[in-house]
Amino acid sequence: MKRTIPAIVLAGFLALQAAAFPHLNGKMLQDLVKRDSGAKNCPFAHQNTQKKKKRQVGFDPAAQHVSTTGEHAWVAPNFAAGDKRGPCPGLNALANHGYLPHNGLAPATTIPLMQSKNDAQLTRHSGNNDLLQLDLFQQYYDALLDDTPAPQQYSALFPFRQSRFNSSIENNPYFFFPQFAGVLVAPAGYAFPPAMMSNKSAQYPEGYLDKETFKSFFAVSGEPGSFTYQQGHERIPDNWYKRAVGDEYSIPDFLLDVLQFARQDPRLLSVGGNTGTPNSFTGIDPAALTRGVYNGATLAEGNNLQCFTFQLIQAEAPGLLTGVYENVTEATRPLVENIEGNLRGLGCPQLVGVDESLYEQYPGYGRAKGP
């Protein structure tokens, strides 16, 4: 019998197939950014340069309006009947409006999914990833700038992002920050709301995430200081407009957002974790992790950053889905085919796999794997 998992746990993974850049120091980051913006032989760099020049974004209300009526009217999940909802508010909202299966389940052949939890999340405490925590939601809410375009709103979130990372290191002896759930999924939580939940308009064609829209997408109601949260009741606001055609939030866009914060604090790109006590964070060198295929310097050369990104996900996908699907090969087939398509023509070094034995030093790794 083919098994299924909640469709609202990171189902947007294939849209942003970025992974980790562990243990880069400030000098390496500067080299990486310089190469991204200037290397003529790197297609990834060319796309980044266009993003930095700021795309001219228009607004077409007819094309960008998202319906919340008729077949897409909001319907609460019926948990008693088996409906599922997960920690991703955007995907929960899509399920509640019928843009994804309302029961929150999708077969592996329909949507290639990965189930992942991580520490240092924006609205969930380290080690407790199931329910939104209103104290952390309040901090994100307070950090959102009013009447400001979404890209600038994201930039202003850096102090909050850094404080969450520091809090996990300082308070959670089991803090584990791997390349997928840590370096990729954690920053996505900060980048996605301004990038993907902000409402587009003629005044704000790049979007503006007003606080009522933010509350709606996170199933929160009430006023600051007395918020209430209703699990699984995420909602797309009425009169909400998505990103313009041609202004899709792409892999290069997401990587640039990750690098924007990492330039201010390179630790955010370090794979590692606490070794059993608070404040014991220890990183893993990429040369050891990739058995010498990459190191901190070569990651900044040519297409290696893209190669490393896709290859690490490809190598780790079977392990992430073991125990979730009976037929892991079939479950990962769409993912593997998609990654292979991205790797063609990049001239990537051959990465056979990653040395997961390096994770054994972290007690949080054992907890993440489960029994």
Protein backbone atom coordinates (compact mmCIF):
# COMPACT_ATOMS: atom_id res chain seq x y z
CA MET A 1 0.00 0.00 0.00
CA LYS A 2 1.42 3.35 -1.04
CA ARG A 3 1.82 5.70 1.90
CA THR A 4 1.19 9.43 1.90
CA ILE A 5 2.39 12.29 4.09
CA PRO A 6 0.92 15.74 4.75
CA ALA A 7 0.96 17.87 1.63
CA ILE A 8 1.52 20.97 3.71
CA VAL A 9 5.01 20.01 4.94
CA LEU A 10 7.34 21.89 2.62
CA ALA A 11 5.60 20.92 -0.65
CA GLY A 12 7.13 23.95 -2.32
CA PHE A 13 10.53 22.24 -2.10
CA LEU A 14 10.99 21.73 -5.84
CA ALA A 15 10.41 25.41 -6.45
CA LEU A 16 13.42 26.30 -4.33
CA GLN A 17 15.86 23.40 -4.58
CA ALA A 18 18.60 25.13 -2.62
CA ALA A 19 20.54 23.41 0.14
CA ALA A 20 23.52 24.40 2.25
CA PHE A 21 26.77 26.27 2.10
CA PRO A 22 28.34 25.07 5.37
CA HIS A 23 31.20 26.66 7.21
CA LEU A 24 31.88 29.61 4.89
CA ASN A 25 33.79 32.43 6.54
CA GLY A 26 33.35 36.13 5.79
CA LYS A 27 36.14 36.24 3.17
CA MET A 28 34.63 33.26 1.31
CA LEU A 29 31.25 34.94 1.32
CA GLN A 30 32.70 38.10 -0.13
CA ASP A 31 34.37 36.07 -2.87
CA LEU A 32 31.13 34.25 -3.53
CA VAL A 33 29.07 37.40 -3.84
CA LYS A 34 31.73 39.00 -6.06
CA ARG A 35 31.73 35.97 -8.35
CA ASP A 36 27.92 35.81 -8.38
CA SER A 37 27.70 39.36 -9.66
CA GLY A 38 30.56 39.26 -12.14
CA ALA A 39 31.36 35.78 -13.47
CA LYS A 40 30.39 35.81 -17.14
CA ASN A 41 30.66 32.04 -17.48
CA CYS A 42 28.16 31.35 -14.71
CA PRO A 43 24.44 31.46 -15.64
CA PHE A 44 23.52 31.65 -11.97
CA ALA A 45 25.61 34.80 -11.63
CA HIS A 46 23.86 36.39 -14.60
CA GLN A 47 20.46 35.84 -13.01
CA ASN A 48 21.68 37.27 -9.71
CA THR A 49 22.97 40.39 -11.44
CA GLN A 50 19.55 41.03 -12.93
CA LYS A 51 17.96 40.67 -9.52
CA LYS A 52 20.38 43.17 -7.98
CA LYS A 53 19.59 45.69 -10.71
CA LYS A 54 15.98 45.47 -9.50
CA ARG A 55 13.45 44.10 -11.93
CA GLN A 56 10.79 46.38 -13.29
CA VAL A 57 7.67 44.82 -11.80
CA GLY A 58 4.24 45.77 -13.07
CA PHE A 59 0.80 45.12 -11.61
CA ASP A 60 -2.04 43.41 -13.48
CA PRO A 61 -4.98 43.02 -11.09
CA ALA A 62 -6.91 40.68 -13.37
CA ALA A 63 -3.98 38.30 -13.80
CA GLN A 64 -2.72 38.47 -10.21
CA HIS A 65 -5.96 38.26 -8.24
CA VAL A 66 -6.33 35.05 -6.21
CA SER A 67 -9.89 33.84 -5.79
CA THR A 68 -11.19 33.10 -2.29
CA THR A 69 -14.79 32.47 -3.36
CA GLY A 70 -16.73 29.69 -5.07
CA GLU A 71 -14.68 26.51 -5.35
CA HIS A 72 -11.87 28.30 -3.54
CA ALA A 73 -13.90 29.56 -0.60
CA TRP A 74 -12.22 28.90 2.73
CA VAL A 75 -13.23 25.66 4.46
CA ALA A 76 -11.85 24.72 7.86
CA PRO A 77 -10.02 21.40 8.14
CA ASN A 78 -11.95 18.53 9.66
CA PHE A 79 -9.37 16.94 11.92
CA ALA A 80 -11.90 14.43 13.28
CA ALA A 81 -12.34 13.12 9.73
CA GLY A 82 -8.58 12.80 9.22
CA ASP A 83 -7.63 16.11 7.57
CA LYS A 84 -3.96 16.99 8.07
CA ARG A 85 -2.24 20.33 8.48
CA GLY A 86 1.45 20.99 9.13
CA PRO A 87 3.87 23.74 10.12
CA CYS A 88 3.86 25.60 6.76
CA PRO A 89 1.16 28.30 6.88
CA GLY A 90 1.16 29.02 3.14
CA LEU A 91 0.54 25.39 2.25
CA ASN A 92 -2.11 25.08 4.96
CA ALA A 93 -3.90 28.08 3.44
CA LEU A 94 -3.75 26.53 -0.04
CA ALA A 95 -5.32 23.35 1.31
CA ASN A 96 -8.04 25.29 3.16
CA HIS A 97 -8.94 27.05 -0.10
CA GLY A 98 -8.83 23.93 -2.26
CA TYR A 99 -5.70 24.82 -4.22
CA LEU A 100 -4.16 21.69 -2.66
CA PRO A 101 -6.17 18.61 -1.58
CA HIS A 102 -8.31 19.73 1.33
CA ASN A 103 -7.48 16.65 3.36
CA GLY A 104 -3.84 17.73 3.29
CA LEU A 105 -2.63 14.48 1.72
CA ALA A 106 -0.98 13.93 -1.63
CA PRO A 107 0.51 10.77 -3.15
CA ALA A 108 4.22 10.69 -3.90
CA THR A 109 3.52 10.46 -7.61
CA THR A 110 1.62 13.75 -7.51
CA ILE A 111 3.83 15.95 -5.31
CA PRO A 112 7.39 14.94 -4.36
CA LEU A 113 7.40 15.85 -0.67
CA MET A 114 9.97 15.98 2.09
CA GLN A 115 9.12 16.00 5.76
CA SER A 116 11.46 18.18 7.74
CA LYS A 117 11.61 19.94 11.07
CA ASN A 118 14.30 22.37 12.11
CA ASP A 119 15.45 24.57 14.94
CA ALA A 120 15.88 28.34 14.76
CA GLN A 121 12.48 28.72 13.09
CA LEU A 122 10.73 32.04 13.05
CA THR A 123 7.54 31.16 14.97
CA ARG A 124 8.37 27.87 16.70
CA HIS A 125 10.67 27.34 19.65
CA SER A 126 13.84 25.30 19.25
CA GLY A 127 12.96 21.63 19.70
CA ASN A 128 9.18 22.25 19.50
CA ASN A 129 8.20 22.62 15.87
CA ASP A 130 4.58 21.51 15.81
CA LEU A 131 2.64 24.55 17.00
CA LEU A 132 3.05 28.24 16.34
CA GLN A 133 4.26 30.08 19.43
CA LEU A 134 2.56 33.42 19.86
CA ASP A 135 5.51 35.05 21.62
CA LEU A 136 7.68 34.43 18.54
CA PHE A 137 4.87 35.43 16.20
CA GLN A 138 4.64 38.69 18.14
CA GLN A 139 8.37 39.30 17.60
CA TYR A 140 8.07 38.76 13.85
CA TYR A 141 4.92 40.93 13.79
CA ASP A 142 6.74 43.73 15.62
CA ALA A 143 9.71 43.48 13.22
CA LEU A 144 7.53 44.02 10.13
CA LEU A 145 7.91 47.59 8.91
CA ASP A 146 4.69 49.41 8.07
CA ASP A 147 4.10 50.97 4.64
CA THR A 148 7.33 49.50 3.27
CA PRO A 149 7.95 47.39 0.14
CA ALA A 150 8.39 43.68 0.83
CA PRO A 151 12.13 43.49 -0.04
CA GLN A 152 12.91 46.15 2.55
CA GLN A 153 10.64 44.43 5.04
CA TYR A 154 12.71 41.27 4.63
CA SER A 155 15.97 43.16 5.13
CA ALA A 156 14.67 44.56 8.40
CA LEU A 157 14.06 41.04 9.74
CA PHE A 158 17.77 40.27 10.13
CA PRO A 159 18.02 41.12 13.88
CA PHE A 160 15.09 38.79 14.57
CA ARG A 161 16.64 36.03 12.42
CA GLN A 162 19.95 36.36 14.22
CA SER A 163 18.34 36.38 17.66
CA ARG A 164 16.49 33.12 16.91
CA PHE A 165 19.72 31.44 15.85
CA ASN A 166 21.53 32.71 18.95
CA SER A 167 18.68 31.60 21.20
CA SER A 168 18.83 28.05 19.84
CA ILE A 169 22.58 27.84 20.45
CA GLU A 170 22.34 29.37 23.92
CA ASN A 171 19.37 27.38 25.20
CA ASN A 172 19.04 24.07 23.36
CA PRO A 173 21.76 21.45 23.99
CA TYR A 174 20.27 19.42 21.13
CA PHE A 175 20.35 22.23 18.58
CA PHE A 176 21.20 20.65 15.20
CA PHE A 177 21.57 22.71 12.04
CA PRO A 178 21.99 20.42 8.99
CA GLN A 179 22.24 21.53 5.39
CA PHE A 180 18.61 20.84 4.48
CA ALA A 181 16.44 21.45 7.53
CA GLY A 182 18.80 24.08 8.92
CA VAL A 183 20.54 26.12 6.26
CA LEU A 184 17.66 25.86 3.77
CA VAL A 185 14.37 25.45 5.63
CA ALA A 186 15.12 27.84 8.50
CA PRO A 187 15.85 30.92 6.32
CA ALA A 188 12.91 30.09 4.07
CA GLY A 189 10.65 30.80 7.02
CA TYR A 190 11.93 34.36 7.17
CA ALA A 191 12.13 34.98 3.42
CA PHE A 192 8.83 33.45 2.33
CA PRO A 193 6.31 35.73 4.11
CA PRO A 194 7.53 39.00 2.52
CA ALA A 195 8.33 37.30 -0.79
CA MET A 196 5.22 35.15 -1.17
CA MET A 197 2.53 36.37 1.24
CA SER A 198 2.82 40.10 0.67
CA ASN A 199 -0.09 41.68 -1.18
CA LYS A 200 0.76 43.20 -4.56
CA SER A 201 -0.76 46.47 -5.76
CA ALA A 202 -0.11 49.40 -8.06
CA GLN A 203 1.46 51.19 -5.10
CA TYR A 204 3.52 48.16 -4.08
CA PRO A 205 4.09 46.02 -7.19
CA GLU A 206 6.85 44.14 -5.32
CA GLY A 207 4.42 43.57 -2.49
CA TYR A 208 3.75 44.87 0.99
CA LEU A 209 3.05 42.49 3.87
CA ASP A 210 0.62 44.39 6.04
CA LYS A 211 0.04 42.97 9.48
CA GLU A 212 -3.56 41.89 8.91
CA THR A 213 -2.48 39.83 5.92
CA PHE A 214 0.34 38.36 7.99
CA LYS A 215 -2.10 37.34 10.73
CA SER A 216 -4.50 35.80 8.24
CA PHE A 217 -1.86 33.57 6.66
CA PHE A 218 -0.73 32.40 10.11
CA ALA A 219 -4.22 31.72 11.54
CA VAL A 220 -3.79 34.42 14.17
CA SER A 221 -6.46 36.87 15.31
CA GLY A 222 -6.74 39.58 17.93
CA GLU A 223 -4.55 42.50 18.82
CA PRO A 224 -0.87 42.72 19.82
CA GLY A 225 -0.41 41.43 23.33
CA SER A 226 -3.58 39.33 23.18
CA PHE A 227 -3.22 37.29 19.98
CA THR A 228 -4.97 33.94 19.60
CA TYR A 229 -3.94 31.11 17.28
CA GLN A 230 -6.26 28.49 15.77
CA GLN A 231 -4.21 25.60 14.46
CA GLY A 232 -4.82 24.74 10.81
CA HIS A 233 -7.09 27.72 10.09
CA GLU A 234 -4.68 29.63 7.84
CA ARG A 235 -6.51 31.75 5.29
CA ILE A 236 -5.73 33.64 2.07
CA PRO A 237 -7.12 37.15 2.62
CA ASP A 238 -9.86 38.48 0.37
CA ASN A 239 -8.63 40.93 -2.27
CA TRP A 240 -5.18 39.36 -2.27
CA TYR A 241 -2.89 39.59 -5.31
CA LYS A 242 0.04 37.28 -6.02
CA ARG A 243 3.38 38.08 -7.67
CA ALA A 244 3.31 39.21 -11.29
CA VAL A 245 4.02 36.85 -14.16
CA GLY A 246 7.75 37.10 -14.83
CA ASP A 247 8.45 38.08 -11.22
CA GLU A 248 8.33 34.57 -9.79
CA TYR A 249 10.35 33.95 -6.64
CA SER A 250 13.09 31.75 -8.08
CA ILE A 251 15.99 29.71 -6.76
CA PRO A 252 18.51 32.53 -7.43
CA ASP A 253 16.22 34.99 -5.64
CA PHE A 254 16.03 32.75 -2.60
CA LEU A 255 19.78 32.14 -2.56
CA LEU A 256 20.38 35.88 -2.67
CA ASP A 257 18.06 36.34 0.29
CA VAL A 258 19.97 33.66 2.20
CA LEU A 259 23.29 35.30 1.34
CA GLN A 260 22.01 38.74 2.31
CA PHE A 261 21.66 37.64 5.92
CA ALA A 262 24.76 35.43 5.83
CA ARG A 263 26.95 38.35 4.81
CA GLN A 264 25.96 39.93 8.12
CA ASP A 265 26.41 36.70 10.10
CA PRO A 266 28.29 33.89 8.28
CA ARG A 267 27.31 31.40 10.99
CA LEU A 268 23.91 31.17 9.30
CA LEU A 269 25.58 29.08 6.58
CA SER A 270 27.35 26.70 8.95
CA VAL A 271 26.26 23.08 9.12
CA GLY A 272 26.69 21.82 12.67
CA GLY A 273 25.09 21.90 16.08
CA ASN A 274 25.49 21.83 19.83
CA THR A 275 27.32 18.79 21.15
CA GLY A 276 25.13 18.13 24.19
CA THR A 277 25.39 21.38 26.14
CA PRO A 278 24.24 24.93 25.42
CA ASN A 279 26.75 27.17 23.64
CA SER A 280 28.75 24.23 22.26
CA PHE A 281 28.04 24.82 18.57
CA THR A 282 30.59 23.05 16.39
CA GLY A 283 30.61 23.31 12.60
CA ILE A 284 31.53 20.77 9.92
CA ASP A 285 34.00 21.62 7.19
CA PRO A 286 32.51 21.09 3.69
CA ALA A 287 35.65 19.22 2.60
CA ALA A 288 35.01 16.59 5.24
CA LEU A 289 31.27 16.50 4.57
CA THR A 290 31.76 15.96 0.81
CA ARG A 291 34.81 13.68 1.15
CA GLY A 292 37.11 16.26 -0.41
CA VAL A 293 35.00 17.10 -3.47
CA TYR A 294 34.37 20.67 -2.28
CA ASN A 295 35.97 22.97 0.24
CA GLY A 296 35.21 26.47 1.45
CA ALA A 297 37.27 28.04 -1.33
CA THR A 298 36.09 25.95 -4.29
CA LEU A 299 32.44 26.55 -3.41
CA ALA A 300 32.94 30.11 -4.65
CA GLU A 301 34.30 28.98 -8.04
CA GLY A 302 32.31 28.74 -11.28
CA ASN A 303 29.11 26.71 -10.96
CA ASN A 304 30.21 24.87 -7.82
CA LEU A 305 27.69 26.57 -5.55
CA GLN A 306 24.80 25.40 -7.72
CA CYS A 307 26.35 21.96 -8.09
CA PHE A 308 26.84 21.60 -4.34
CA THR A 309 23.30 22.74 -3.69
CA PHE A 310 21.59 20.23 -5.96
CA GLN A 311 23.95 17.33 -5.29
CA LEU A 312 23.55 17.50 -1.51
CA ILE A 313 19.77 17.38 -1.81
CA GLN A 314 20.03 14.51 -4.28
CA ALA A 315 22.32 12.61 -1.92
CA GLU A 316 20.17 13.18 1.16
CA ALA A 317 16.69 12.72 -0.32
CA PRO A 318 16.51 8.92 0.15
CA GLY A 319 17.48 9.20 3.80
CA LEU A 320 14.93 11.93 4.44
CA LEU A 321 12.12 9.77 3.04
CA THR A 322 13.14 6.43 4.53
CA GLY A 323 10.32 5.30 6.78
CA VAL A 324 7.92 7.77 5.19
CA TYR A 325 7.34 5.90 1.92
CA GLU A 326 7.39 2.16 1.34
CA ASN A 327 9.02 2.69 -2.08
CA VAL A 328 11.62 5.41 -1.57
CA THR A 329 12.96 5.07 -5.13
CA GLU A 330 9.54 5.79 -6.60
CA ALA A 331 8.89 8.61 -4.14
CA THR A 332 12.11 10.39 -5.04
CA ARG A 333 11.94 9.80 -8.80
CA PRO A 334 10.35 13.22 -9.65
CA LEU A 335 12.88 14.96 -7.41
CA VAL A 336 15.86 13.11 -8.91
CA GLU A 337 14.71 13.82 -12.46
CA ASN A 338 14.22 17.49 -11.67
CA ILE A 339 17.66 17.82 -10.07
CA GLU A 340 19.34 15.94 -12.91
CA GLY A 341 17.79 18.44 -15.32
CA ASN A 342 19.24 21.33 -13.32
CA LEU A 343 22.70 19.72 -13.20
CA ARG A 344 23.02 19.12 -16.96
CA GLY A 345 25.61 21.35 -18.54
CA LEU A 346 27.03 22.70 -15.29
CA GLY A 347 30.18 20.58 -15.43
CA CYS A 348 29.86 19.59 -11.79
CA PRO A 349 32.52 17.68 -9.84
CA GLN A 350 31.34 14.16 -9.06
CA LEU A 351 29.80 13.98 -5.60
CA VAL A 352 29.06 10.40 -4.62
CA GLY A 353 27.51 11.24 -1.27
CA VAL A 354 28.01 13.02 2.02
CA ASP A 355 29.67 11.64 5.12
CA GLU A 356 26.74 11.48 7.52
CA SER A 357 28.91 9.87 10.17
CA LEU A 358 30.10 13.40 10.94
CA TYR A 359 26.62 14.10 12.33
CA GLU A 360 26.99 11.49 15.05
CA GLN A 361 28.78 13.99 17.31
CA TYR A 362 25.50 15.91 17.63
CA PRO A 363 22.89 14.47 20.03
CA GLY A 364 20.26 16.43 18.12
CA TYR A 365 20.98 14.39 15.00
CA GLY A 366 19.85 11.20 16.71
CA ARG A 367 16.68 12.92 17.87
CA ALA A 368 16.00 14.21 14.35
CA LYS A 369 16.34 10.71 12.89
CA GLY A 370 13.94 9.27 15.43
CA PRO A 371 13.76 5.59 16.40
